[in-house]
Protein backbone atom coordinates (compact mmCIF):
# COMPACT_ATOMS: atom_id res chain seq x y z
CA MET A 1 191.74 82.03 168.05
CA ASN A 2 189.00 84.14 166.40
CA TYR A 3 189.36 87.92 167.01
CA ARG A 4 188.65 91.34 166.07
CA SER A 5 191.62 93.87 166.30
CA ALA A 6 191.89 97.54 165.65
CA MET A 7 195.31 99.34 165.76
CA ILE A 8 195.36 103.30 165.38
CA PHE A 9 198.81 104.77 164.94
CA GLY A 10 199.51 108.51 165.89
CA VAL A 11 200.10 110.92 168.56
CA ALA A 12 197.04 111.51 170.82
CA ARG A 13 196.31 115.07 172.28
CA GLN A 14 194.63 115.95 175.32
CA VAL A 15 191.27 117.66 174.75
CA THR A 16 191.32 120.95 176.47
CA ASP A 17 188.53 122.73 175.00
CA PRO A 18 185.46 122.30 177.57
CA GLY A 19 182.87 122.04 174.77
CA GLU A 20 184.79 119.45 172.84
CA GLU A 21 185.67 117.68 176.24
CA MET A 22 182.01 117.68 177.03
CA GLU A 23 181.09 116.12 173.59
CA ALA A 24 183.63 113.65 173.84
CA LEU A 25 182.40 112.27 177.16
CA ARG A 26 178.83 112.38 175.77
CA VAL A 27 179.79 110.22 172.79
CA ILE A 28 181.80 107.62 174.99
CA THR A 29 179.02 107.43 177.54
CA GLU A 30 176.22 107.16 174.65
CA HIS A 31 178.27 104.47 173.02
CA LEU A 32 178.85 102.42 176.17
CA ALA A 33 175.35 103.01 177.81
CA PRO A 34 172.81 104.38 175.53
CA GLY A 35 170.35 107.00 176.79
CA GLN A 36 172.60 107.63 180.22
CA TRP A 37 173.89 110.92 179.27
CA SER A 38 170.42 112.51 178.91
CA TYR A 39 169.21 110.65 182.07
CA ALA A 40 172.19 111.37 184.41
CA ARG A 41 173.19 114.65 186.06
CA GLN A 42 175.93 116.36 184.11
CA PRO A 43 179.52 116.26 185.41
CA THR A 44 180.60 118.63 188.11
CA ARG A 45 183.58 120.93 187.72
CA LYS A 46 185.36 118.85 190.25
CA GLU A 47 184.68 115.69 188.07
CA LEU A 48 185.71 117.33 184.72
CA ALA A 49 188.99 118.48 186.49
CA ALA A 50 189.65 114.76 187.38
CA THR A 51 188.91 113.58 183.87
CA SER A 52 190.92 113.74 180.69
CA ALA A 53 189.66 112.99 177.27
CA LEU A 54 192.27 112.31 174.41
CA ALA A 55 191.79 112.73 170.67
CA LEU A 56 193.27 110.62 168.17
CA PRO A 57 193.22 111.16 164.46
CA LEU A 58 192.42 107.98 162.45
CA ALA A 59 194.73 109.08 159.56
CA GLU A 60 196.57 105.41 159.98
CA ALA A 61 194.54 102.47 161.08
CA SER A 62 194.33 98.80 160.60
CA VAL A 63 191.51 96.64 161.41
CA LYS A 64 191.67 92.78 161.30
CA ILE A 65 189.19 90.10 161.78
CA ARG A 66 189.49 86.25 162.16
CA THR A 67 186.62 84.00 162.15
CA GLY A 68 185.83 80.24 161.61
CA ASP A 69 187.24 76.83 162.69
CA PRO A 70 190.55 76.12 164.30
CA SER A 71 193.48 75.90 161.89
CA ASP A 72 195.05 72.70 163.54
CA GLU A 73 197.67 70.67 162.17
CA PRO A 74 196.68 67.05 160.67
CA GLU A 75 198.36 65.34 163.57
CA ASP A 76 196.32 67.48 166.11
CA CYS A 77 193.13 66.56 164.24
CA ALA A 78 193.91 62.92 164.38
CA SER A 79 194.35 63.00 168.08
CA ASP A 80 191.55 62.24 170.80
CA ARG A 81 191.49 65.76 172.09
CA TRP A 82 188.49 68.00 171.59
CA ALA A 83 188.97 71.08 169.34
CA GLY A 84 186.60 73.82 168.57
CA VAL A 85 185.65 77.43 169.43
CA VAL A 86 184.36 78.71 172.79
CA PRO A 87 182.35 81.95 171.96
CA VAL A 88 182.91 84.72 174.41
CA THR A 89 180.15 87.15 174.73
CA VAL A 90 179.39 90.39 176.76
CA ARG A 91 175.91 91.36 177.70
CA PHE A 92 174.04 93.56 180.13
CA GLY A 93 172.67 91.75 183.07
CA GLU A 94 169.57 92.64 185.33
CA PRO A 95 169.91 96.03 186.84
CA GLU A 96 170.83 95.96 190.31
CA PRO A 97 169.76 99.14 192.48
CA ASP A 98 172.12 101.08 194.69
CA ALA A 99 171.85 100.18 198.34
CA THR A 100 171.14 103.75 199.30
CA LEU A 101 168.79 104.26 196.65
CA ARG A 102 165.60 105.98 198.12
CA PRO A 103 162.47 103.52 197.77
CA GLY A 104 160.00 104.19 194.67
CA ILE A 105 162.66 105.12 192.23
CA ALA A 106 162.16 102.88 189.15
CA VAL A 107 164.76 101.47 186.87
CA PRO A 108 164.67 103.97 183.97
CA GLU A 109 163.38 102.59 180.45
CA HIS A 110 166.59 103.03 178.78
CA ILE A 111 168.25 100.72 181.41
CA ARG A 112 165.34 98.30 181.81
CA HIS A 113 165.12 97.42 178.15
CA ARG A 114 168.89 96.47 177.72
CA GLY A 115 169.85 93.01 177.05
């Protein structure tokens, strides 16, 4: 199996400083959905109270990647069974508007140009 793996060792701490927490949420949001943080409204106090950010130092970490063909045994290669790699991908699909969205609100450019 081909894979990408990251292991981080340590003790996480809860982010309690409001400025640090907002920055953590911004960084995570921008990583997952570039452009969304500046487009969307900011979190409310209630939403922030229901959210926790954790910080984990990267002092001890290990990353591994495996690529290439399968490592089959010779007897497996001699069989009449298919072997190979089935790639898995993640991609953005077509934007789907909320059913309650008011008419006339266009898909923002930072969302329209994904994919």
